[in-house]
Protein backbone atom coordinates (compact mmCIF):
# COMPACT_ATOMS: atom_id res chain seq x y z
CA UNK A 1 6.73 10.16 -9.73
CA UNK A 2 6.37 8.63 -13.69
CA UNK A 3 3.24 9.22 -15.93
CA UNK A 4 2.48 6.07 -17.62
CA UNK A 5 0.28 5.87 -20.66
CA UNK A 6 -1.39 2.34 -21.47
CA UNK A 7 -1.28 2.15 -25.29
CA UNK A 8 -4.71 2.01 -26.84
CA UNK A 9 -6.19 -1.27 -28.29
CA UNK A 10 -8.79 -1.71 -30.66
CA UNK A 11 -11.73 -3.68 -29.73
CA UNK A 12 -10.55 -6.94 -31.60
CA UNK A 13 -7.16 -6.36 -29.86
CA UNK A 14 -8.64 -5.98 -26.21
CA UNK A 15 -11.12 -8.85 -26.82
CA UNK A 16 -8.45 -11.23 -28.13
CA UNK A 17 -5.77 -9.75 -25.11
CA UNK A 18 -8.45 -10.57 -22.63
CA UNK A 19 -8.01 -14.33 -22.81
CA UNK A 20 -4.22 -14.37 -23.00
CA UNK A 21 -3.01 -15.57 -20.20
CA UNK A 22 0.50 -14.80 -21.10
CA UNK A 23 0.12 -11.24 -21.91
CA UNK A 24 -3.25 -10.17 -20.03
CA UNK A 25 -3.60 -6.92 -21.28
CA UNK A 26 -0.24 -5.64 -20.36
CA UNK A 27 -0.02 -6.95 -16.56
CA UNK A 28 3.64 -6.75 -15.68
CA UNK A 29 3.51 -7.42 -11.89
CA UNK A 30 1.04 -9.71 -10.16
CA UNK A 31 0.22 -7.25 -7.58
CA UNK A 32 1.02 -3.58 -8.27
CA UNK A 33 1.43 -1.33 -5.71
CA UNK A 34 0.48 -3.84 -2.91
CA UNK A 35 2.10 -4.21 0.34
CA UNK A 36 3.82 -7.65 -0.07
CA UNK A 37 4.93 -8.29 3.55
CA UNK A 38 6.31 -11.84 3.95
CA UNK A 39 6.52 -15.30 2.23
CA UNK A 40 5.61 -18.25 4.08
CA UNK A 41 5.56 -21.67 3.75
CA UNK A 42 3.12 -24.62 4.72
CA UNK A 43 4.05 -28.01 4.47
CA UNK A 44 6.57 -27.50 1.61
CA UNK A 45 3.76 -25.17 0.00
CA UNK A 46 5.01 -21.98 -0.69
CA UNK A 47 2.61 -18.76 0.17
CA UNK A 48 2.74 -15.36 -0.64
CA UNK A 49 0.79 -13.04 1.69
CA UNK A 50 -0.12 -9.36 0.41
CA UNK A 51 -1.98 -6.95 1.92
CA UNK A 52 -2.92 -3.62 -0.14
CA UNK A 53 -3.19 -0.30 1.35
CA UNK A 54 -2.54 -1.77 4.86
CA UNK A 55 0.74 0.00 5.23
CA UNK A 56 -0.32 3.41 3.63
CA UNK A 57 -3.87 2.96 5.54
CA UNK A 58 -1.95 2.62 8.70
CA UNK A 59 0.09 5.40 7.70
CA UNK A 60 -2.65 7.90 7.45
CA UNK A 61 -4.77 6.59 10.67
CA UNK A 62 -1.74 7.40 12.73
CA UNK A 63 -1.10 10.78 10.72
CA UNK A 64 2.40 10.03 9.83
CA UNK A 65 4.34 13.02 8.90
CA UNK A 66 4.71 13.21 4.84
CA UNK A 67 7.53 15.04 3.11
CA UNK A 68 6.88 18.74 1.89
CA UNK A 69 5.87 18.98 -1.67
CA UNK A 70 9.16 19.18 -3.62
CA UNK A 71 7.21 20.08 -7.00
CA UNK A 72 3.99 21.24 -8.58
CA UNK A 73 2.12 20.58 -11.35
CA UNK A 74 -1.06 22.07 -12.79
CA UNK A 75 -3.90 19.84 -14.01
CA UNK A 76 -7.67 20.52 -15.11
CA UNK A 77 -9.22 17.58 -13.56
CA UNK A 78 -7.19 15.11 -10.72
CA UNK A 79 -8.93 11.89 -10.00
CA UNK A 80 -7.86 10.06 -6.54
CA UNK A 81 -8.34 6.46 -7.24
CA UNK A 82 -7.63 3.98 -10.08
CA UNK A 83 -10.56 1.94 -9.01
CA UNK A 84 -14.12 1.36 -10.82
CA UNK A 85 -15.52 4.54 -10.06
CA UNK A 86 -12.05 6.45 -10.76
CA UNK A 87 -11.48 5.27 -14.29
CA UNK A 88 -14.86 5.25 -15.31
CA UNK A 89 -14.87 9.17 -14.42
CA UNK A 90 -11.59 9.17 -16.14
CA UNK A 91 -13.21 7.41 -19.37
CA UNK A 92 -15.87 9.50 -19.72
CA UNK A 93 -14.45 12.59 -19.27
CA UNK A 94 -11.76 11.52 -22.00
CA UNK A 95 -14.70 10.39 -24.19
CA UNK A 96 -16.05 13.71 -24.27
CA UNK A 97 -12.73 15.41 -25.04
CA UNK A 98 -11.07 16.14 -21.64
CA UNK A 99 -7.26 15.38 -21.98
CA UNK A 100 -5.71 17.23 -18.92
CA UNK A 101 -6.55 14.76 -16.53
CA UNK A 102 -4.64 12.82 -13.95
CA UNK A 103 -5.16 9.74 -12.19
CA UNK A 104 -3.65 8.66 -8.84
CA UNK A 105 -3.49 5.22 -9.03
CA UNK A 106 -3.66 4.85 -5.04
CA UNK A 107 -2.24 2.25 -2.83
CA UNK A 108 -3.21 -0.48 -5.24
CA UNK A 109 -3.64 0.47 -9.14
CA UNK A 110 -7.44 -0.66 -9.96
CA UNK A 111 -8.31 -1.45 -6.69
CA UNK A 112 -11.04 -4.33 -6.11
CA UNK A 113 -10.91 -5.17 -9.46
CA UNK A 114 -6.88 -6.07 -9.53
CA UNK A 115 -5.85 -9.38 -10.56
CA UNK A 116 -2.86 -11.46 -10.53
CA UNK A 117 -0.31 -13.84 -12.53
CA UNK A 118 1.48 -16.71 -12.07
CA UNK A 119 4.79 -16.28 -10.61
CA UNK A 120 8.11 -16.26 -12.86
CA UNK A 121 9.22 -19.49 -13.46
CA UNK A 122 5.68 -21.09 -13.35
CA UNK A 123 5.45 -21.99 -16.85
CA UNK A 124 1.43 -21.45 -17.03
CA UNK A 125 1.44 -17.52 -16.60
CA UNK A 126 -2.15 -17.83 -15.98
CA UNK A 127 -3.81 -14.59 -14.55
CA UNK A 128 -6.15 -14.68 -11.60
CA UNK A 129 -8.21 -12.13 -9.94
CA UNK A 130 -7.34 -11.09 -6.46
CA UNK A 131 -10.76 -9.22 -6.12
CA UNK A 132 -14.06 -9.15 -8.13
CA UNK A 133 -14.49 -11.76 -10.54
CA UNK A 134 -18.01 -11.19 -12.48
CA UNK A 135 -20.50 -8.82 -13.79
CA UNK A 136 -24.18 -9.75 -14.24
CA UNK A 137 -25.72 -8.84 -17.43
CA UNK A 138 -26.64 -5.28 -16.82
CA UNK A 139 -30.20 -3.87 -16.76
CA UNK A 140 -31.83 -1.53 -18.83
CA UNK A 141 -31.53 1.08 -16.06
CA UNK A 142 -27.51 0.47 -16.37
CA UNK A 143 -27.06 2.19 -19.48
CA UNK A 144 -24.01 3.64 -18.51
CA UNK A 145 -22.23 0.06 -18.20
CA UNK A 146 -23.75 -0.99 -21.31
CA UNK A 147 -22.28 1.92 -23.30
CA UNK A 148 -19.02 1.01 -21.92
CA UNK A 149 -19.41 -2.70 -22.86
CA UNK A 150 -20.22 -1.55 -26.50
CA UNK A 151 -17.50 0.53 -26.77
CA UNK A 152 -15.20 -2.15 -25.43
CA UNK A 153 -16.64 -4.74 -27.88
CA UNK A 154 -18.16 -6.71 -25.28
CA UNK A 155 -21.71 -6.02 -26.41
CA UNK A 156 -21.84 -6.27 -30.14
CA UNK A 157 -25.34 -5.42 -31.37
CA UNK A 158 -28.29 -3.61 -29.85
CA UNK A 159 -26.74 -2.31 -26.80
CA UNK A 160 -29.68 -0.49 -25.56
CA UNK A 161 -32.22 -3.03 -26.57
CA UNK A 162 -33.74 -5.23 -23.74
CA UNK A 163 -31.68 -8.26 -25.08
CA UNK A 164 -28.08 -7.26 -26.72
CA UNK A 165 -25.76 -9.51 -28.40
CA UNK A 166 -23.07 -10.22 -26.04
CA UNK A 167 -19.30 -11.46 -27.46
CA UNK A 168 -19.39 -15.04 -26.30
CA UNK A 169 -15.69 -14.77 -25.49
CA UNK A 170 -17.30 -12.53 -22.19
CA UNK A 171 -20.21 -14.73 -21.38
CA UNK A 172 -19.56 -17.39 -18.98
CA UNK A 173 -19.12 -20.79 -20.51
CA UNK A 174 -21.00 -24.11 -19.27
CA UNK A 175 -21.10 -25.54 -16.97
CA UNK A 176 -21.84 -22.23 -15.04
CA UNK A 177 -21.94 -23.12 -11.61
CA UNK A 178 -22.34 -26.66 -9.17
CA UNK A 179 -22.76 -27.09 -5.62
CA UNK A 180 -21.40 -29.95 -3.84
CA UNK A 181 -24.26 -31.47 -1.47
CA UNK A 182 -24.81 -34.48 0.33
CA UNK A 183 -21.18 -35.81 -0.95
CA UNK A 184 -21.96 -35.06 -4.75
CA UNK A 185 -21.99 -32.43 -7.05
CA UNK A 186 -25.36 -30.82 -8.36
CA UNK A 187 -25.84 -28.10 -11.24
CA UNK A 188 -26.58 -24.84 -9.88
CA UNK A 189 -26.05 -23.48 -6.59
CA UNK A 190 -29.69 -23.33 -5.02
CA UNK A 191 -29.68 -26.88 -2.98
CA UNK A 192 -31.73 -29.45 -4.69
CA UNK A 193 -30.23 -32.94 -4.29
CA UNK A 194 -31.55 -34.52 -1.46
CA UNK A 195 -33.57 -31.59 0.09
CA UNK A 196 -37.02 -32.70 1.47
CA UNK A 197 -40.08 -31.67 -0.83
CA UNK A 198 -41.33 -29.02 1.53
CA UNK A 199 -37.79 -27.25 1.60
CA UNK A 200 -38.19 -27.29 -2.28
CA UNK A 201 -41.58 -25.56 -1.95
CA UNK A 202 -40.30 -23.08 0.21
CA UNK A 203 -37.64 -22.27 -2.26
CA UNK A 204 -40.25 -21.97 -5.21
CA UNK A 205 -42.40 -19.40 -3.24
CA UNK A 206 -39.55 -17.17 -2.47
CA UNK A 207 -38.25 -17.11 -6.01
CA UNK A 208 -41.71 -16.63 -7.01
CA UNK A 209 -42.10 -13.66 -4.64
CA UNK A 210 -38.96 -11.95 -6.12
CA UNK A 211 -40.16 -12.37 -9.58
CA UNK A 212 -43.41 -10.30 -8.23
CA UNK A 213 -40.64 -7.84 -6.72
CA UNK A 214 -38.69 -7.79 -9.83
CA UNK A 215 -41.81 -5.87 -11.34
CA UNK A 216 -43.10 -3.70 -8.35
CA UNK A 217 -43.32 0.13 -8.30
CA UNK A 218 -43.41 2.58 -5.83
CA UNK A 219 -45.72 5.67 -5.42
CA UNK A 220 -43.48 7.85 -7.43
CA UNK A 221 -43.78 5.12 -10.42
CA UNK A 222 -40.32 3.96 -10.09
CA UNK A 223 -39.06 0.47 -9.73
CA UNK A 224 -39.17 -0.36 -6.04
CA UNK A 225 -35.47 -2.21 -6.60
CA UNK A 226 -33.34 -0.77 -9.42
CA UNK A 227 -29.89 -0.62 -9.84
CA UNK A 228 -27.92 1.80 -9.74
CA UNK A 229 -29.71 2.15 -6.03
CA UNK A 230 -30.16 5.64 -7.19
CA UNK A 231 -32.72 4.98 -9.17
CA UNK A 232 -34.82 2.91 -7.25
CA UNK A 233 -38.17 4.01 -5.86
CA UNK A 234 -38.24 6.11 -2.53
CA UNK A 235 -41.63 5.02 -1.69
CA UNK A 236 -41.58 4.87 2.37
CA UNK A 237 -43.82 2.15 2.28
CA UNK A 238 -40.79 0.06 0.94
CA UNK A 239 -37.85 1.87 2.06
CA UNK A 240 -39.37 0.81 5.50
CA UNK A 241 -37.52 -2.55 4.57
CA UNK A 242 -34.64 -0.78 5.43
CA UNK A 243 -35.15 -0.90 8.93
CA UNK A 244 -35.38 -4.65 10.24
CA UNK A 245 -33.19 -7.55 8.95
CA UNK A 246 -33.20 -9.80 5.94
CA UNK A 247 -33.50 -12.79 8.99
CA UNK A 248 -36.33 -11.06 10.47
CA UNK A 249 -38.00 -10.35 7.24
CA UNK A 250 -37.67 -13.90 6.45
CA UNK A 251 -39.12 -15.14 9.85
CA UNK A 252 -41.89 -12.94 9.29
CA UNK A 253 -42.79 -14.17 5.89
CA UNK A 254 -42.38 -17.93 7.08
CA UNK A 255 -39.07 -18.92 4.93
CA UNK A 256 -37.80 -21.42 7.54
CA UNK A 257 -36.37 -24.23 5.37
CA UNK A 258 -32.63 -24.56 6.35
CA UNK A 259 -31.76 -25.20 2.76
CA UNK A 260 -33.27 -22.12 1.38
CA UNK A 261 -31.74 -19.78 4.40
CA UNK A 262 -28.22 -21.01 3.83
CA UNK A 263 -28.68 -20.34 0.06
CA UNK A 264 -29.61 -16.65 0.74
CA UNK A 265 -26.98 -16.34 3.71
CA UNK A 266 -24.46 -17.14 0.99
CA UNK A 267 -25.91 -14.67 -1.34
CA UNK A 268 -25.73 -11.81 1.07
CA UNK A 269 -21.93 -12.92 2.34
CA UNK A 270 -21.05 -13.01 -1.68
CA UNK A 271 -22.43 -9.44 -2.29
CA UNK A 272 -22.29 -7.62 0.63
CA UNK A 273 -19.54 -9.55 2.85
CA UNK A 274 -22.16 -10.18 6.12
CA UNK A 275 -25.08 -12.58 6.66
CA UNK A 276 -28.86 -12.64 6.93
CA UNK A 277 -28.56 -11.69 10.56
CA UNK A 278 -26.77 -8.21 9.41
CA UNK A 279 -27.95 -7.59 6.03
CA UNK A 280 -30.91 -4.93 5.48
CA UNK A 281 -34.13 -6.44 4.42
CA UNK A 282 -34.40 -3.90 1.44
CA UNK A 283 -30.67 -4.81 0.53
CA UNK A 284 -31.65 -8.63 0.59
CA UNK A 285 -34.51 -8.46 -1.71
CA UNK A 286 -32.61 -5.95 -3.74
CA UNK A 287 -30.14 -8.49 -4.69
CA UNK A 288 -32.70 -10.76 -5.98
CA UNK A 289 -34.84 -8.19 -7.64
CA UNK A 290 -32.73 -5.41 -8.96
CA UNK A 291 -31.19 -6.55 -12.42
CA UNK A 292 -32.88 -8.73 -14.28
CA UNK A 293 -30.22 -8.16 -17.43
CA UNK A 294 -30.79 -10.57 -20.49
CA UNK A 295 -29.06 -11.12 -23.92
CA UNK A 296 -30.15 -12.63 -27.24
CA UNK A 297 -27.39 -15.21 -26.80
CA UNK A 298 -27.25 -16.22 -23.35
CA UNK A 299 -29.37 -17.60 -21.01
CA UNK A 300 -31.17 -15.39 -18.11
CA UNK A 301 -28.88 -14.89 -15.10
CA UNK A 302 -25.96 -15.54 -16.81
CA UNK A 303 -22.64 -13.40 -16.14
CA UNK A 304 -19.36 -11.83 -17.71
CA UNK A 305 -16.25 -12.74 -16.65
CA UNK A 306 -12.65 -13.16 -17.93
CA UNK A 307 -9.89 -15.15 -16.64
CA UNK A 308 -8.33 -12.39 -14.48
CA UNK A 309 -11.65 -11.18 -13.02
CA UNK A 310 -12.99 -7.53 -13.77
CA UNK A 311 -9.64 -6.40 -14.20
CA UNK A 312 -9.98 -6.00 -18.18
CA UNK A 313 -12.65 -3.45 -17.53
CA UNK A 314 -10.42 -1.54 -15.66
CA UNK A 315 -7.38 -1.91 -18.21
CA UNK A 316 -9.93 -0.49 -21.15
CA UNK A 317 -10.90 1.97 -19.09
CA UNK A 318 -7.02 3.24 -18.40
CA UNK A 319 -6.13 3.23 -22.16
CA UNK A 320 -4.79 6.77 -22.74
CA UNK A 321 -5.22 7.86 -19.57
CA UNK A 322 -2.51 9.66 -17.53
CA UNK A 323 -2.05 7.50 -14.41
CA UNK A 324 0.49 8.10 -12.21
CA UNK A 325 1.41 5.86 -9.20
CA UNK A 326 1.27 7.30 -5.59
CA UNK A 327 -1.46 8.30 -3.00
CA UNK A 328 -3.14 11.34 -2.08
CA UNK A 329 -2.25 12.25 1.58
CA UNK A 330 -4.16 15.75 1.52
CA UNK A 331 -6.69 17.39 -0.14
CA UNK A 332 -7.99 21.26 0.26
CA UNK A 333 -9.43 23.88 -1.64
CA UNK A 334 -7.41 27.17 -2.07
CA UNK A 335 -9.58 29.65 -3.70
CA UNK A 336 -9.97 28.88 -7.25
CA UNK A 337 -8.11 25.87 -7.41
CA UNK A 338 -7.47 22.25 -5.30
CA UNK A 339 -4.21 21.56 -3.84
CA UNK A 340 -3.65 17.85 -3.73
CA UNK A 341 -0.79 16.21 -2.20
CA UNK A 342 0.31 13.34 -3.93
CA UNK A 343 3.10 10.61 -2.14
CA UNK A 344 5.30 8.90 -4.45
CA UNK A 345 6.05 5.49 -3.87
CA UNK A 346 9.79 5.12 -3.80
CA UNK A 347 12.36 2.58 -4.15
CA UNK A 348 11.38 -0.81 -2.74
CA UNK A 349 8.23 0.60 -1.77
CA UNK A 350 9.58 3.39 0.73
CA UNK A 351 8.06 6.55 0.23
CA UNK A 352 9.56 9.10 -1.86
CA UNK A 353 8.70 12.65 -2.81
CA UNK A 354 5.50 14.39 -2.59
CA UNK A 355 4.84 16.64 -5.34
CA UNK A 356 1.72 18.88 -5.21
CA UNK A 357 -1.36 18.84 -8.11
CA UNK A 358 -3.07 22.16 -8.53
CA UNK A 359 -6.24 21.14 -10.07
CA UNK A 360 -9.37 23.34 -11.21
CA UNK A 361 -11.55 20.09 -9.78
CA UNK A 362 -10.91 16.92 -8.19
CA UNK A 363 -12.73 13.53 -8.11
CA UNK A 364 -12.08 11.70 -4.62
CA UNK A 365 -12.81 7.91 -6.11
CA UNK A 366 -11.44 6.36 -2.96
CA UNK A 367 -13.51 4.61 -0.02
CA UNK A 368 -15.12 7.13 2.43
CA UNK A 369 -12.69 5.99 4.87
CA UNK A 370 -9.96 7.12 3.19
CA UNK A 371 -11.00 9.82 1.97
CA UNK A 372 -12.09 10.81 5.70
CA UNK A 373 -8.30 11.29 6.19
CA UNK A 374 -7.12 13.59 3.79
CA UNK A 375 -10.26 15.69 2.93
CA UNK A 376 -12.52 17.37 5.63
CA UNK A 377 -15.42 15.42 5.11
CA UNK A 378 -17.60 17.06 7.62
CA UNK A 379 -17.58 20.32 5.52
CA UNK A 380 -19.82 18.48 3.21
CA UNK A 381 -22.01 17.05 6.05
CA UNK A 382 -20.54 14.17 6.30
CA UNK A 383 -19.66 13.00 10.20
CA UNK A 384 -17.07 10.07 10.27
CA UNK A 385 -18.20 9.08 13.77
CA UNK A 386 -22.18 9.09 12.65
CA UNK A 387 -22.17 8.12 8.94
CA UNK A 388 -19.02 5.85 8.70
CA UNK A 389 -20.15 2.64 7.16
CA UNK A 390 -19.12 -1.12 8.15
CA UNK A 391 -17.02 -2.65 5.79
CA UNK A 392 -16.20 -6.27 5.40
CA UNK A 393 -12.89 -8.17 5.41
CA UNK A 394 -12.12 -10.53 2.96
CA UNK A 395 -9.41 -13.24 2.22
CA UNK A 396 -9.07 -14.01 -1.85
CA UNK A 397 -6.36 -17.04 -2.17
CA UNK A 398 -5.05 -18.20 -5.36
CA UNK A 399 -3.94 -21.62 -5.89
CA UNK A 400 -1.79 -22.26 -8.53
CA UNK A 401 -2.01 -26.08 -9.86
CA UNK A 402 -0.26 -28.59 -11.71
CA UNK A 403 -2.91 -30.50 -13.72
CA UNK A 404 -7.02 -30.93 -12.56
CA UNK A 405 -7.72 -33.00 -9.55
CA UNK A 406 -10.09 -35.75 -10.17
CA UNK A 407 -13.53 -34.74 -9.50
CA UNK A 408 -16.06 -36.60 -7.42
CA UNK A 409 -18.65 -38.78 -9.66
CA UNK A 410 -16.81 -37.40 -12.62
CA UNK A 411 -18.60 -34.10 -13.02
CA UNK A 412 -17.08 -31.46 -14.87
CA UNK A 413 -15.49 -28.78 -12.89
CA UNK A 414 -17.64 -25.49 -13.17
CA UNK A 415 -16.45 -21.63 -13.30
CA UNK A 416 -17.78 -20.88 -10.00
CA UNK A 417 -17.83 -24.44 -7.67
CA UNK A 418 -19.63 -24.06 -4.13
CA UNK A 419 -19.59 -26.22 -1.18
CA UNK A 420 -23.18 -26.60 0.79
CA UNK A 421 -23.10 -25.51 4.51
CA UNK A 422 -19.60 -23.97 4.08
CA UNK A 423 -19.12 -20.37 5.72
CA UNK A 424 -16.77 -20.09 2.68
CA UNK A 425 -18.01 -18.93 -0.61
CA UNK A 426 -16.14 -21.52 -3.00
CA UNK A 427 -14.06 -21.23 -5.62
CA UNK A 428 -13.57 -19.96 -9.15
CA UNK A 429 -11.58 -21.77 -12.33
CA UNK A 430 -9.52 -19.05 -13.50
CA UNK A 431 -9.12 -20.93 -16.93
CA UNK A 432 -12.64 -21.59 -17.34
CA UNK A 433 -13.16 -19.18 -20.08
CA UNK A 434 -10.00 -20.27 -22.19
CA UNK A 435 -11.45 -22.02 -25.61
CA UNK A 436 -9.31 -24.89 -25.71
CA UNK A 437 -10.01 -28.31 -27.23
CA UNK A 438 -8.52 -29.90 -24.00
CA UNK A 439 -7.65 -29.07 -20.10
CA UNK A 440 -4.85 -26.77 -20.06
CA UNK A 441 -1.69 -28.21 -18.04
CA UNK A 442 -2.03 -25.70 -15.35
CA UNK A 443 -4.72 -23.45 -14.00
CA UNK A 444 -5.53 -21.10 -10.88
CA UNK A 445 -8.48 -21.76 -8.33
CA UNK A 446 -9.38 -19.06 -6.62
CA UNK A 447 -11.16 -19.44 -3.25
CA UNK A 448 -12.92 -16.83 -1.50
CA UNK A 449 -13.78 -16.09 2.09
CA UNK A 450 -15.73 -13.07 3.15
CA UNK A 451 -15.72 -12.91 7.33
CA UNK A 452 -19.22 -12.52 8.14
CA UNK A 453 -20.86 -12.68 11.39
CA UNK A 454 -17.67 -11.22 13.10
CA UNK A 455 -16.88 -7.63 14.21
CA UNK A 456 -14.56 -5.98 10.92
CA UNK A 457 -12.46 -4.49 13.48
CA UNK A 458 -11.42 -7.42 15.30
CA UNK A 459 -11.16 -9.45 12.35
CA UNK A 460 -8.78 -7.08 10.77
CA UNK A 461 -6.86 -7.16 13.91
CA UNK A 462 -6.80 -10.75 13.79
CA UNK A 463 -5.74 -11.03 10.05
CA UNK A 464 -2.75 -8.74 10.48
CA UNK A 465 -1.09 -11.08 13.04
CA UNK A 466 -2.50 -14.40 11.68
CA UNK A 467 -0.17 -17.43 11.01
CA UNK A 468 0.41 -19.17 7.79
CA UNK A 469 -1.36 -21.87 9.17
CA UNK A 470 -4.63 -20.06 10.10
CA UNK A 471 -4.60 -18.17 6.79
CA UNK A 472 -4.03 -21.43 4.91
CA UNK A 473 -6.57 -23.48 6.74
CA UNK A 474 -9.21 -20.72 5.52
CA UNK A 475 -7.97 -20.77 2.35
CA UNK A 476 -8.09 -24.38 1.83
CA UNK A 477 -11.45 -25.06 3.77
CA UNK A 478 -13.71 -25.82 0.34
CA UNK A 479 -11.15 -26.84 -1.98
CA UNK A 480 -10.35 -29.98 1.41
CA UNK A 481 -14.02 -30.64 0.98
CA UNK A 482 -13.91 -31.25 -2.59
CA UNK A 483 -10.86 -33.20 -3.49
CA UNK A 484 -9.19 -34.35 0.15
CA UNK A 485 -6.82 -31.70 0.29
CA UNK A 486 -6.75 -31.30 3.95
CA UNK A 487 -4.34 -33.90 3.65
CA UNK A 488 -1.11 -31.98 2.90
CA UNK A 489 0.54 -34.95 0.81
CA UNK A 490 -2.45 -34.97 -1.33
CA UNK A 491 -2.39 -31.51 -1.48
CA UNK A 492 1.12 -30.96 -2.93
CA UNK A 493 0.35 -33.46 -5.87
CA UNK A 494 -1.65 -30.34 -7.50
CA UNK A 495 -0.77 -27.01 -5.49
CA UNK A 496 2.37 -25.43 -6.40
CA UNK A 497 2.09 -22.18 -5.18
CA UNK A 498 -0.51 -19.98 -2.84
CA UNK A 499 -1.08 -16.66 -3.09
CA UNK A 500 -3.31 -14.91 -0.42
CA UNK A 501 -4.82 -11.39 -0.63
CA UNK A 502 -6.09 -9.87 2.68
CA UNK A 503 -8.59 -7.36 2.20
CA UNK A 504 -9.07 -5.83 5.51
CA UNK A 505 -11.85 -3.25 4.02
CA UNK A 506 -12.92 -4.77 1.13
CA UNK A 507 -16.57 -3.66 0.41
CA UNK A 508 -18.98 -1.45 2.14
CA UNK A 509 -21.88 -3.54 3.85
CA UNK A 510 -25.66 -2.75 3.85
CA UNK A 511 -26.81 -3.14 7.28
CA UNK A 512 -30.46 -1.68 8.77
CA UNK A 513 -30.51 2.05 8.05
CA UNK A 514 -27.65 2.50 4.95
CA UNK A 515 -30.74 3.88 2.99
CA UNK A 516 -31.05 6.89 5.23
CA UNK A 517 -27.73 7.52 6.15
CA UNK A 518 -27.46 11.52 5.65
CA UNK A 519 -24.12 11.87 5.37
CA UNK A 520 -23.85 9.57 2.02
CA UNK A 521 -26.49 11.75 0.89
CA UNK A 522 -24.97 14.74 1.52
CA UNK A 523 -21.74 13.54 -0.35
CA UNK A 524 -23.62 12.49 -3.45
CA UNK A 525 -24.98 15.93 -3.52
CA UNK A 526 -21.57 17.43 -3.64
CA UNK A 527 -21.33 19.85 -6.65
CA UNK A 528 -18.34 22.04 -6.10
CA UNK A 529 -14.46 21.73 -7.35
CA UNK A 530 -14.33 18.67 -5.03
CA UNK A 531 -16.48 15.52 -5.81
CA UNK A 532 -17.10 12.22 -4.82
CA UNK A 533 -17.13 9.07 -6.48
CA UNK A 534 -17.00 5.69 -4.87
CA UNK A 535 -19.42 2.73 -4.76
CA UNK A 536 -19.29 4.02 -0.58
CA UNK A 537 -21.99 6.47 -1.84
CA UNK A 538 -24.30 3.57 -2.61
CA UNK A 539 -23.63 1.72 1.13
CA UNK A 540 -22.89 -1.42 -0.86
CA UNK A 541 -19.88 -2.45 -3.26
CA UNK A 542 -20.94 -3.80 -6.58
CA UNK A 543 -19.39 -2.59 -10.22
CA UNK A 544 -22.71 -0.82 -11.41
CA UNK A 545 -22.64 1.33 -8.24
CA UNK A 546 -19.29 2.30 -8.21
CA UNK A 547 -19.28 3.23 -12.13
CA UNK A 548 -22.44 5.07 -11.56
CA UNK A 549 -21.19 7.62 -9.03
CA UNK A 550 -17.72 7.93 -11.43
CA UNK A 551 -20.22 8.66 -14.24
CA UNK A 552 -22.72 11.13 -11.83
CA UNK A 553 -19.03 12.92 -11.14
CA UNK A 554 -17.87 13.31 -14.64
CA UNK A 555 -21.11 14.56 -15.93
CA UNK A 556 -21.18 17.28 -13.03
CA UNK A 557 -17.63 18.50 -14.45
CA UNK A 558 -19.00 18.19 -17.86
CA UNK A 559 -22.21 20.20 -17.38
CA UNK A 560 -20.18 22.74 -15.65
CA UNK A 561 -17.82 23.49 -19.13
């Protein structure tokens, strides 16, 4: 097992590097730690398929024996997982002077904020996200996120004012988003073009109500909808919204316009991986009312993004950390310490040796369905059968392109490009943030698809055995509508390679009742030698929630001295 120290970068170096397509903050491999299953082909278009964590997850589920520990290593804090929560905890501890901290990568370094880079031989070298791709401007409540962004240099001034000044290289450039509707592109993704006046009136009424709810307070004086979610009001009158679906709430309030319902369903699929009929009404409203971040030099509602999605934030937090490649397979308290058995990944991805970390404290920063296989969650008040969360499956497909295709109506491509009526989530242009006088010769389009309105378990089984054609058809759906790429010959004029990442447990989905999950509440309160930090603790998967729980775990360790 090797330790790897990511070299420190200055703020200026970081911001410069985050836009370099050839270096991309030291991304040496496209998908480190992933399970590369096979190379596929579709009408002459090469397809690489990745299933990060699937093989290791199946090994845990099947209780596959692992080698007995052959070495021991003492450490002050062991953080199990290198996603947002784990690295935020590591960043906070290091900031406060903790040096004896080890981060165990898990099956995929950086988790849902991982990224890729065009394969060797592709002259562009462009980077692209294989997971999360943007961060809304953090609200006043997300102080911890603002502090991180300020240290990074993404916030340049007034970090804790209502309107900070952001580095413009990170603010999404115009045009931000567009919607293909009725055969033409329109600016923005709320359907407008060709929509009847009565439907537009319903849209206006909905957004006016969301503005009202954004400023609503509960009987306890807290905002009804806040992010982090833990800061939201506990007023039972508002929490009762969690007992119905968003679809039922909309019907109850007379919101029936097809264009509005499609957009709201799209929003739920985009953030939660489920549709209106599965989403908690409280969570559906929270999506539109909880953030409200603003900037001195950006429009309200702007987002932060990089060519490789959110990966630069993880790279920054990983600087100076001792990060070891491997996966924790067993965690148990032994007197005044915690034993963590870490399975190294040997040559060609095959299991290597097991090392035992002897830690004063441990932060389990992994999805709870994984944590349940290596630590006794029942001891902490979490019953797997009763409290487990539904997790949505996602497909992220990166199309490495030669040149840009012709646009309908010559409307310029936006950062985010969505197709009205589609069950997919559109595609993002990875080179959008690059400041150039002209378009680059090559680019990468990242297409997103959440398998909503299906049983997550059946989706995972289907995806595990899906053919190249099935995966390609899902990947190409919105690009086919936008550019006629359902014709393979036409597609091959631009598409040089496709990299598909399947995330079977991509995100926790906030179904009705998620706010009253007693198991999550118990893990949130854990305050012993084993702590928990993951967005699963909130019941929904966004950067602010994951980083919040990393922050809370770190603060518990710091307060204990």
